[in-house]
Amino acid sequence: MKRLIALAKHPKPFEPGTKDVWLDLEIADYVLKAHFDETIPGGSREITFIDEAIDFITQLAPKEKFEKVIDLGCGPGLYTLRLAKKGYDVVGVDYNKTSIDYAINESVKHNITIDYRIEDIKNIEIENEFDLALLIYQIYCVFSLENRIQILRNVHRGLKPGGLVLFDVLSEFSYDNYEENLIWSVSQSNSPMSDKEHLVLYATIKYPNRVSLAKNILIFEDGEIVNYNYWNQHFSINSLEKEVNEAGFSLEKVYADVNGGEYIADSDAFAVVLKKK
């Protein structure tokens, strides 16, 4: 009970849960499925959107000048494979082995050579290798400031002079509209998190400085307790620009999303193109 009470309290910003949802082998199949089911939050976008994003990337960074691409947090390779089919030399990086295994199998099926790496993007070592870096579907938001700075340094080091970065973030507007809730329920027979009956405590919490948390606590009959913390940093254009400038990038352009749509004020997210100074 003491452990449950401790877990139920508000954690410090970006404090990890007892398990990382992306690395938990018990729900690996569900996490992979999320990339192909748009009704499951946190996975990937619908195929139509992905195809639009690929078309935009080919316009933003033609392969004649931006041939070498690194897709950070590539998941099962939905963008990576499509770019490789367009003739780009692509490296896909993710720390989820299940997703990378799937991506490798897909590249083999299509007889396309892609360098997939099981690595943590906070620790990846690349240097002056790439023309374009991708960090798609608000991946950047889930990290603490310290880790975001480290990721930007890694990307900056890995890009050639004048290299570009395309990524998207949650907006300050999405933070303002983030609703705090506290819900408890008993698991259903088709629960994706576990086939064992369990009690679920779910909370959405707003923190200062535009930080939000979606927190899941699973309590099983045998006393096992699992806690997943899903953090997000929300940005204004100014706050993001300040952060990337300090890491050696200039903010070149703001879009509605990574498919190149025109920026819309008061939207839940926005995308940016950065250039290595």
Protein backbone atom coordinates (compact mmCIF):
# COMPACT_ATOMS: atom_id res chain seq x y z
CA MET A 1 0.00 0.00 0.00
CA LYS A 2 2.88 2.39 0.77
CA ARG A 3 4.27 1.80 -2.69
CA LEU A 4 0.89 2.46 -4.30
CA ILE A 5 0.44 5.68 -2.36
CA ALA A 6 3.92 6.80 -3.40
CA LEU A 7 3.21 6.06 -7.06
CA ALA A 8 -0.16 7.81 -6.91
CA LYS A 9 1.48 11.09 -5.88
CA HIS A 10 2.52 13.63 -8.49
CA PRO A 11 6.02 12.72 -9.71
CA LYS A 12 8.67 15.31 -10.48
CA PRO A 13 8.60 16.55 -14.09
CA PHE A 14 9.86 13.88 -16.50
CA GLU A 15 10.40 11.35 -13.74
CA PRO A 16 10.13 7.89 -15.35
CA GLY A 17 7.54 5.33 -14.34
CA THR A 18 8.37 1.84 -13.18
CA LYS A 19 8.35 0.76 -16.84
CA ASP A 20 8.87 2.46 -20.19
CA VAL A 21 5.82 1.81 -22.38
CA TRP A 22 8.05 1.63 -25.48
CA LEU A 23 10.37 -0.98 -23.98
CA ASP A 24 7.96 -3.16 -22.00
CA LEU A 25 8.13 -6.57 -23.70
CA GLU A 26 4.76 -7.60 -22.25
CA ILE A 27 2.95 -5.00 -24.38
CA ALA A 28 5.36 -4.95 -27.34
CA ASP A 29 2.74 -6.32 -29.74
CA TYR A 30 0.25 -3.64 -28.70
CA VAL A 31 2.85 -0.88 -29.14
CA LEU A 32 3.64 -2.17 -32.63
CA LYS A 33 -0.06 -2.37 -33.47
CA ALA A 34 -0.46 1.28 -32.45
CA HIS A 35 1.68 2.31 -35.42
CA PHE A 36 -0.90 0.87 -37.81
CA ASP A 37 -4.13 1.74 -35.99
CA GLU A 38 -4.94 5.46 -35.97
CA THR A 39 -7.53 4.91 -33.22
CA ILE A 40 -4.71 4.08 -30.77
CA PRO A 41 -2.99 7.26 -29.52
CA GLY A 42 0.78 7.58 -29.51
CA GLY A 43 1.64 5.31 -32.43
CA SER A 44 1.75 6.75 -35.96
CA ARG A 45 -0.32 8.89 -38.27
CA GLU A 46 -2.67 7.56 -40.95
CA ILE A 47 -1.12 6.38 -44.20
CA THR A 48 -2.55 9.28 -46.24
CA PHE A 49 -0.81 11.77 -43.96
CA ILE A 50 2.47 9.84 -44.09
CA ASP A 51 2.41 9.87 -47.89
CA GLU A 52 1.77 13.64 -47.83
CA ALA A 53 4.72 14.08 -45.48
CA ILE A 54 6.98 12.08 -47.78
CA ASP A 55 5.95 14.23 -50.74
CA PHE A 56 6.72 17.35 -48.71
CA ILE A 57 10.11 16.02 -47.63
CA THR A 58 11.08 15.33 -51.24
CA GLN A 59 10.26 18.96 -52.06
CA LEU A 60 11.94 20.38 -48.96
CA ALA A 61 15.08 18.29 -49.34
CA PRO A 62 15.50 16.87 -52.88
CA LYS A 63 17.60 13.72 -52.83
CA GLU A 64 20.08 15.26 -55.28
CA LYS A 65 21.21 17.59 -52.48
CA PHE A 66 19.97 15.81 -49.34
CA GLU A 67 20.62 12.17 -50.12
CA LYS A 68 21.69 10.97 -46.65
CA VAL A 69 18.79 10.97 -44.16
CA ILE A 70 18.49 9.83 -40.55
CA ASP A 71 15.02 9.03 -39.20
CA LEU A 72 15.21 9.30 -35.41
CA GLY A 73 12.53 7.41 -33.51
CA CYS A 74 11.65 5.65 -36.76
CA GLY A 75 9.40 3.01 -35.17
CA PRO A 76 8.48 0.32 -37.72
CA GLY A 77 9.96 2.35 -40.58
CA LEU A 78 6.81 3.89 -42.07
CA TYR A 79 8.70 7.00 -43.22
CA THR A 80 12.08 5.33 -43.57
CA LEU A 81 10.96 2.73 -46.09
CA ARG A 82 9.07 5.26 -48.20
CA LEU A 83 12.08 7.57 -48.37
CA ALA A 84 14.33 4.67 -49.32
CA LYS A 85 11.92 3.82 -52.15
CA LYS A 86 12.35 7.42 -53.35
CA GLY A 87 16.10 6.85 -53.63
CA TYR A 88 17.33 8.36 -50.37
CA ASP A 89 20.10 6.69 -48.39
CA VAL A 90 18.27 6.32 -45.07
CA VAL A 91 19.27 5.28 -41.56
CA GLY A 92 16.45 4.42 -39.16
CA VAL A 93 17.02 4.60 -35.41
CA ASP A 94 14.74 3.43 -32.60
CA TYR A 95 15.26 1.76 -29.24
CA ASN A 96 12.22 -0.50 -29.62
CA LYS A 97 13.52 -3.83 -30.90
CA THR A 98 10.09 -5.09 -31.91
CA SER A 99 9.57 -2.09 -34.20
CA ILE A 100 13.06 -2.34 -35.69
CA ASP A 101 12.64 -6.09 -36.32
CA TYR A 102 9.40 -5.34 -38.16
CA ALA A 103 11.07 -2.56 -40.17
CA ILE A 104 13.96 -4.83 -41.18
CA ASN A 105 11.55 -7.54 -42.35
CA GLU A 106 9.64 -4.99 -44.43
CA SER A 107 12.82 -3.73 -46.08
CA VAL A 108 13.76 -7.32 -46.95
CA LYS A 109 10.30 -7.90 -48.45
CA HIS A 110 10.74 -4.86 -50.68
CA ASN A 111 14.36 -5.76 -51.49
CA ILE A 112 15.58 -2.38 -50.23
CA THR A 113 18.72 -1.87 -48.18
CA ILE A 114 18.16 0.28 -45.08
CA ASP A 115 20.53 0.68 -42.16
CA TYR A 116 18.33 0.14 -39.10
CA ARG A 117 19.86 0.64 -35.66
CA ILE A 118 18.54 -0.25 -32.20
CA GLU A 119 19.82 2.77 -30.30
CA ASP A 120 18.63 5.45 -27.90
CA ILE A 121 18.56 8.78 -29.73
CA LYS A 122 19.80 10.49 -26.56
CA ASN A 123 23.06 8.58 -26.85
CA ILE A 124 23.53 8.03 -30.56
CA GLU A 125 27.01 8.86 -31.88
CA ILE A 126 26.96 10.33 -35.39
CA GLU A 127 29.28 12.91 -36.88
CA ASN A 128 29.03 14.98 -40.05
CA GLU A 129 27.22 12.17 -41.86
CA PHE A 130 23.73 13.34 -42.77
CA ASP A 131 22.02 15.96 -44.92
CA LEU A 132 18.60 15.70 -43.25
CA ALA A 133 17.36 14.53 -39.85
CA LEU A 134 13.74 13.64 -39.06
CA LEU A 135 12.14 13.53 -35.63
CA ILE A 136 8.47 12.97 -36.42
CA TYR A 137 5.24 12.71 -34.41
CA GLN A 138 6.13 14.96 -31.48
CA ILE A 139 8.86 12.63 -30.22
CA TYR A 140 10.91 15.64 -29.16
CA CYS A 141 8.20 16.64 -26.65
CA VAL A 142 8.49 13.54 -24.47
CA PHE A 143 11.99 14.38 -23.24
CA SER A 144 13.16 16.60 -20.41
CA LEU A 145 15.06 19.78 -21.23
CA GLU A 146 18.36 18.11 -20.38
CA ASN A 147 17.65 15.23 -22.75
CA ARG A 148 16.31 17.52 -25.49
CA ILE A 149 19.54 19.49 -25.39
CA GLN A 150 21.51 16.25 -25.67
CA ILE A 151 19.40 15.12 -28.65
CA LEU A 152 19.90 18.46 -30.42
CA ARG A 153 23.65 18.26 -29.82
CA ASN A 154 23.71 14.73 -31.23
CA VAL A 155 21.78 15.82 -34.32
CA HIS A 156 23.91 18.94 -34.78
CA ARG A 157 27.08 16.85 -34.63
CA GLY A 158 25.65 14.30 -37.06
CA LEU A 159 24.60 16.79 -39.75
CA LYS A 160 26.79 18.14 -42.50
CA PRO A 161 27.15 21.97 -42.65
CA GLY A 162 23.84 23.44 -43.78
CA GLY A 163 21.98 20.21 -42.96
CA LEU A 164 18.26 20.37 -42.19
CA VAL A 165 16.04 19.01 -39.42
CA LEU A 166 12.29 18.46 -39.71
CA PHE A 167 10.25 17.79 -36.58
CA ASP A 168 6.96 18.60 -34.91
CA VAL A 169 5.95 19.57 -31.38
CA LEU A 170 2.87 20.13 -29.27
CA SER A 171 1.86 23.79 -28.96
CA GLU A 172 1.19 26.04 -26.01
CA PHE A 173 -2.44 26.06 -27.18
CA SER A 174 -2.64 22.29 -26.61
CA TYR A 175 -1.30 22.84 -23.10
CA ASP A 176 -3.91 25.50 -22.35
CA ASN A 177 -6.64 23.06 -23.44
CA TYR A 178 -5.18 20.02 -21.68
CA GLU A 179 -7.81 18.72 -19.27
CA GLU A 180 -6.85 17.29 -15.91
CA ASN A 181 -8.65 14.07 -14.97
CA LEU A 182 -8.46 11.28 -12.43
CA ILE A 183 -10.13 8.02 -13.42
CA TRP A 184 -10.11 4.53 -11.97
CA SER A 185 -11.59 1.42 -13.54
CA VAL A 186 -11.36 -2.36 -13.65
CA SER A 187 -9.70 -3.77 -16.76
CA GLN A 188 -11.82 -5.23 -19.53
CA SER A 189 -11.25 -8.69 -20.96
CA ASN A 190 -9.71 -7.18 -24.10
CA SER A 191 -7.35 -4.80 -22.29
CA PRO A 192 -4.26 -4.17 -24.45
CA MET A 193 -2.04 -3.68 -21.41
CA SER A 194 -2.48 -7.13 -19.87
CA ASP A 195 -4.68 -10.23 -20.14
CA LYS A 196 -4.68 -10.44 -16.34
CA GLU A 197 -7.48 -8.63 -14.52
CA HIS A 198 -6.25 -5.42 -12.94
CA LEU A 199 -7.32 -2.08 -11.53
CA VAL A 200 -6.37 0.97 -13.58
CA LEU A 201 -5.68 4.39 -12.09
CA TYR A 202 -5.35 7.00 -14.84
CA ALA A 203 -4.51 10.66 -14.35
CA THR A 204 -3.80 13.60 -16.61
CA ILE A 205 -1.90 16.37 -14.85
CA LYS A 206 -0.72 19.85 -15.82
CA TYR A 207 2.61 21.12 -14.50
CA PRO A 208 4.11 24.60 -14.67
CA ASN A 209 6.23 25.63 -17.67
CA ARG A 210 3.88 23.94 -20.16
CA VAL A 211 4.57 20.37 -19.07
CA SER A 212 1.83 17.72 -19.04
CA LEU A 213 1.64 14.13 -17.82
CA ALA A 214 -0.59 11.19 -18.70
CA LYS A 215 -0.08 8.62 -15.97
CA ASN A 216 -1.23 4.98 -15.89
CA ILE A 217 -1.00 2.80 -12.79
CA LEU A 218 -1.94 -0.88 -13.15
CA ILE A 219 -2.61 -2.87 -9.94
CA PHE A 220 -2.82 -6.66 -10.18
CA GLU A 221 -4.36 -9.18 -7.79
CA ASP A 222 -0.96 -10.65 -6.92
CA GLY A 223 0.24 -7.26 -5.68
CA GLU A 224 2.23 -6.29 -8.77
CA ILE A 225 2.04 -2.58 -9.56
CA VAL A 226 3.11 -1.08 -12.89
CA ASN A 227 3.37 2.65 -13.58
CA TYR A 228 3.72 4.23 -17.03
CA ASN A 229 4.45 7.97 -17.18
CA TYR A 230 3.95 9.71 -20.52
CA TRP A 231 5.32 13.24 -20.38
CA ASN A 232 5.02 16.08 -22.89
CA GLN A 233 6.61 19.49 -23.19
CA HIS A 234 4.43 22.03 -25.02
CA PHE A 235 6.02 24.90 -26.94
CA SER A 236 5.42 28.34 -28.29
CA ILE A 237 7.32 29.20 -31.46
CA ASN A 238 9.48 31.58 -29.45
CA SER A 239 10.34 29.08 -26.73
CA LEU A 240 11.25 26.42 -29.29
CA GLU A 241 13.32 28.85 -31.33
CA LYS A 242 15.30 29.86 -28.25
CA GLU A 243 15.98 26.21 -27.43
CA VAL A 244 17.19 25.26 -30.90
CA ASN A 245 19.24 28.43 -31.35
CA GLU A 246 21.22 27.61 -28.24
CA ALA A 247 22.01 24.21 -29.77
CA GLY A 248 23.43 25.74 -32.95
CA PHE A 249 20.38 25.72 -35.24
CA SER A 250 18.44 28.47 -36.95
CA LEU A 251 14.67 28.11 -37.26
CA GLU A 252 14.03 28.43 -40.98
CA LYS A 253 10.27 27.88 -41.33
CA VAL A 254 7.16 26.98 -39.33
CA TYR A 255 4.44 24.72 -40.74
CA ALA A 256 1.15 23.30 -39.49
CA ASP A 257 2.65 19.81 -39.58
CA VAL A 258 5.39 17.72 -41.19
CA ASN A 259 3.29 17.40 -44.35
CA GLY A 260 4.06 21.06 -45.12
CA GLY A 261 0.65 22.60 -44.46
CA GLU A 262 0.49 26.33 -43.79
CA TYR A 263 0.95 27.20 -40.13
CA ILE A 264 -2.29 27.78 -38.22
CA ALA A 265 -2.31 29.78 -35.00
CA ASP A 266 -4.03 28.12 -32.04
CA SER A 267 -3.47 24.62 -33.39
CA ASP A 268 -2.52 21.73 -31.14
CA ALA A 269 0.83 21.20 -32.83
CA PHE A 270 3.22 22.71 -35.34
CA ALA A 271 6.28 21.64 -37.28
CA VAL A 272 9.58 23.40 -37.92
CA VAL A 273 12.50 23.19 -40.28
CA LEU A 274 15.87 23.86 -38.69
CA LYS A 275 19.21 24.49 -40.36
CA LYS A 276 22.61 23.74 -38.91
CA LYS A 277 24.49 27.01 -38.46
